[in-house]
Amino acid sequence: MKRVASPHPQWRKSTHSNSMSGDCVEVAGVGDMIALRDSKAPNGPILPLHPTAWHNLLARLKDG
């Protein structure tokens, strides 16, 4: 993922999100961090992750 230092990150929805139920996670590169947010609350809290933590999270999710 391209990380850009921008006050307006380009959020992307997870391909595994269910648009019918509204349960969506969005991700964006912010500076040298990866940011996650709930798409139902775009002005709500953001979870910033170091790229290593992001990759570890993805690996754990894939492992089930």
Protein backbone atom coordinates (compact mmCIF):
# COMPACT_ATOMS: atom_id res chain seq x y z
CA MET A 1 0.00 0.00 0.00
CA LYS A 2 1.30 3.43 -0.92
CA ARG A 3 1.64 5.65 2.14
CA VAL A 4 1.21 9.36 1.58
CA ALA A 5 1.56 12.14 4.14
CA SER A 6 -1.80 13.79 3.54
CA PRO A 7 -4.39 15.46 5.75
CA HIS A 8 -7.01 13.65 3.63
CA PRO A 9 -6.03 9.99 3.34
CA GLN A 10 -7.56 7.88 0.59
CA TRP A 11 -9.57 5.27 2.46
CA ARG A 12 -10.16 1.86 0.88
CA LYS A 13 -12.80 -0.63 1.95
CA SER A 14 -11.81 -4.18 2.69
CA THR A 15 -12.74 -6.60 -0.09
CA HIS A 16 -14.07 -8.88 2.67
CA SER A 17 -16.47 -6.26 4.01
CA ASN A 18 -20.15 -6.92 3.60
CA SER A 19 -21.77 -3.88 2.00
CA MET A 20 -25.25 -5.27 2.72
CA SER A 21 -24.83 -5.26 6.50
CA GLY A 22 -22.72 -2.12 6.75
CA ASP A 23 -19.97 -3.99 8.60
CA CYS A 24 -17.01 -2.45 6.80
CA VAL A 25 -13.42 -1.76 7.68
CA GLU A 26 -11.46 0.87 5.79
CA VAL A 27 -7.70 1.23 5.56
CA ALA A 28 -5.43 4.07 4.46
CA GLY A 29 -1.74 4.86 4.40
CA VAL A 30 -1.05 7.89 6.59
CA GLY A 31 2.56 9.01 6.65
CA ASP A 32 4.56 5.91 7.58
CA MET A 33 1.62 4.30 9.40
CA ILE A 34 -1.39 2.22 8.36
CA ALA A 35 -4.72 3.55 9.65
CA LEU A 36 -7.94 1.58 10.16
CA ARG A 37 -11.44 2.90 10.75
CA ASP A 38 -15.07 1.79 10.82
CA SER A 39 -16.75 2.97 7.62
CA LYS A 40 -20.01 3.53 9.53
CA ALA A 41 -18.20 6.18 11.61
CA PRO A 42 -15.86 8.04 9.21
CA ASN A 43 -15.36 10.85 11.73
CA GLY A 44 -14.86 8.42 14.60
CA PRO A 45 -11.65 7.01 16.04
CA ILE A 46 -8.81 5.77 13.84
CA LEU A 47 -6.51 2.92 14.80
CA PRO A 48 -2.96 3.72 13.63
CA LEU A 49 -0.66 0.73 13.15
CA HIS A 50 3.04 0.46 12.43
CA PRO A 51 3.54 -1.48 9.17
CA THR A 52 4.98 -4.44 11.10
CA ALA A 53 1.89 -4.58 13.32
CA TRP A 54 -0.31 -4.33 10.21
CA HIS A 55 1.42 -7.29 8.57
CA ASN A 56 1.23 -9.29 11.80
CA LEU A 57 -2.50 -8.54 12.06
CA LEU A 58 -3.11 -9.66 8.48
CA ALA A 59 -1.13 -12.87 9.05
CA ARG A 60 -3.16 -13.69 12.18
CA LEU A 61 -6.46 -12.99 10.41
CA LYS A 62 -5.46 -15.24 7.51
CA ASP A 63 -4.50 -18.03 9.93
CA GLY A 64 -7.97 -17.81 11.49
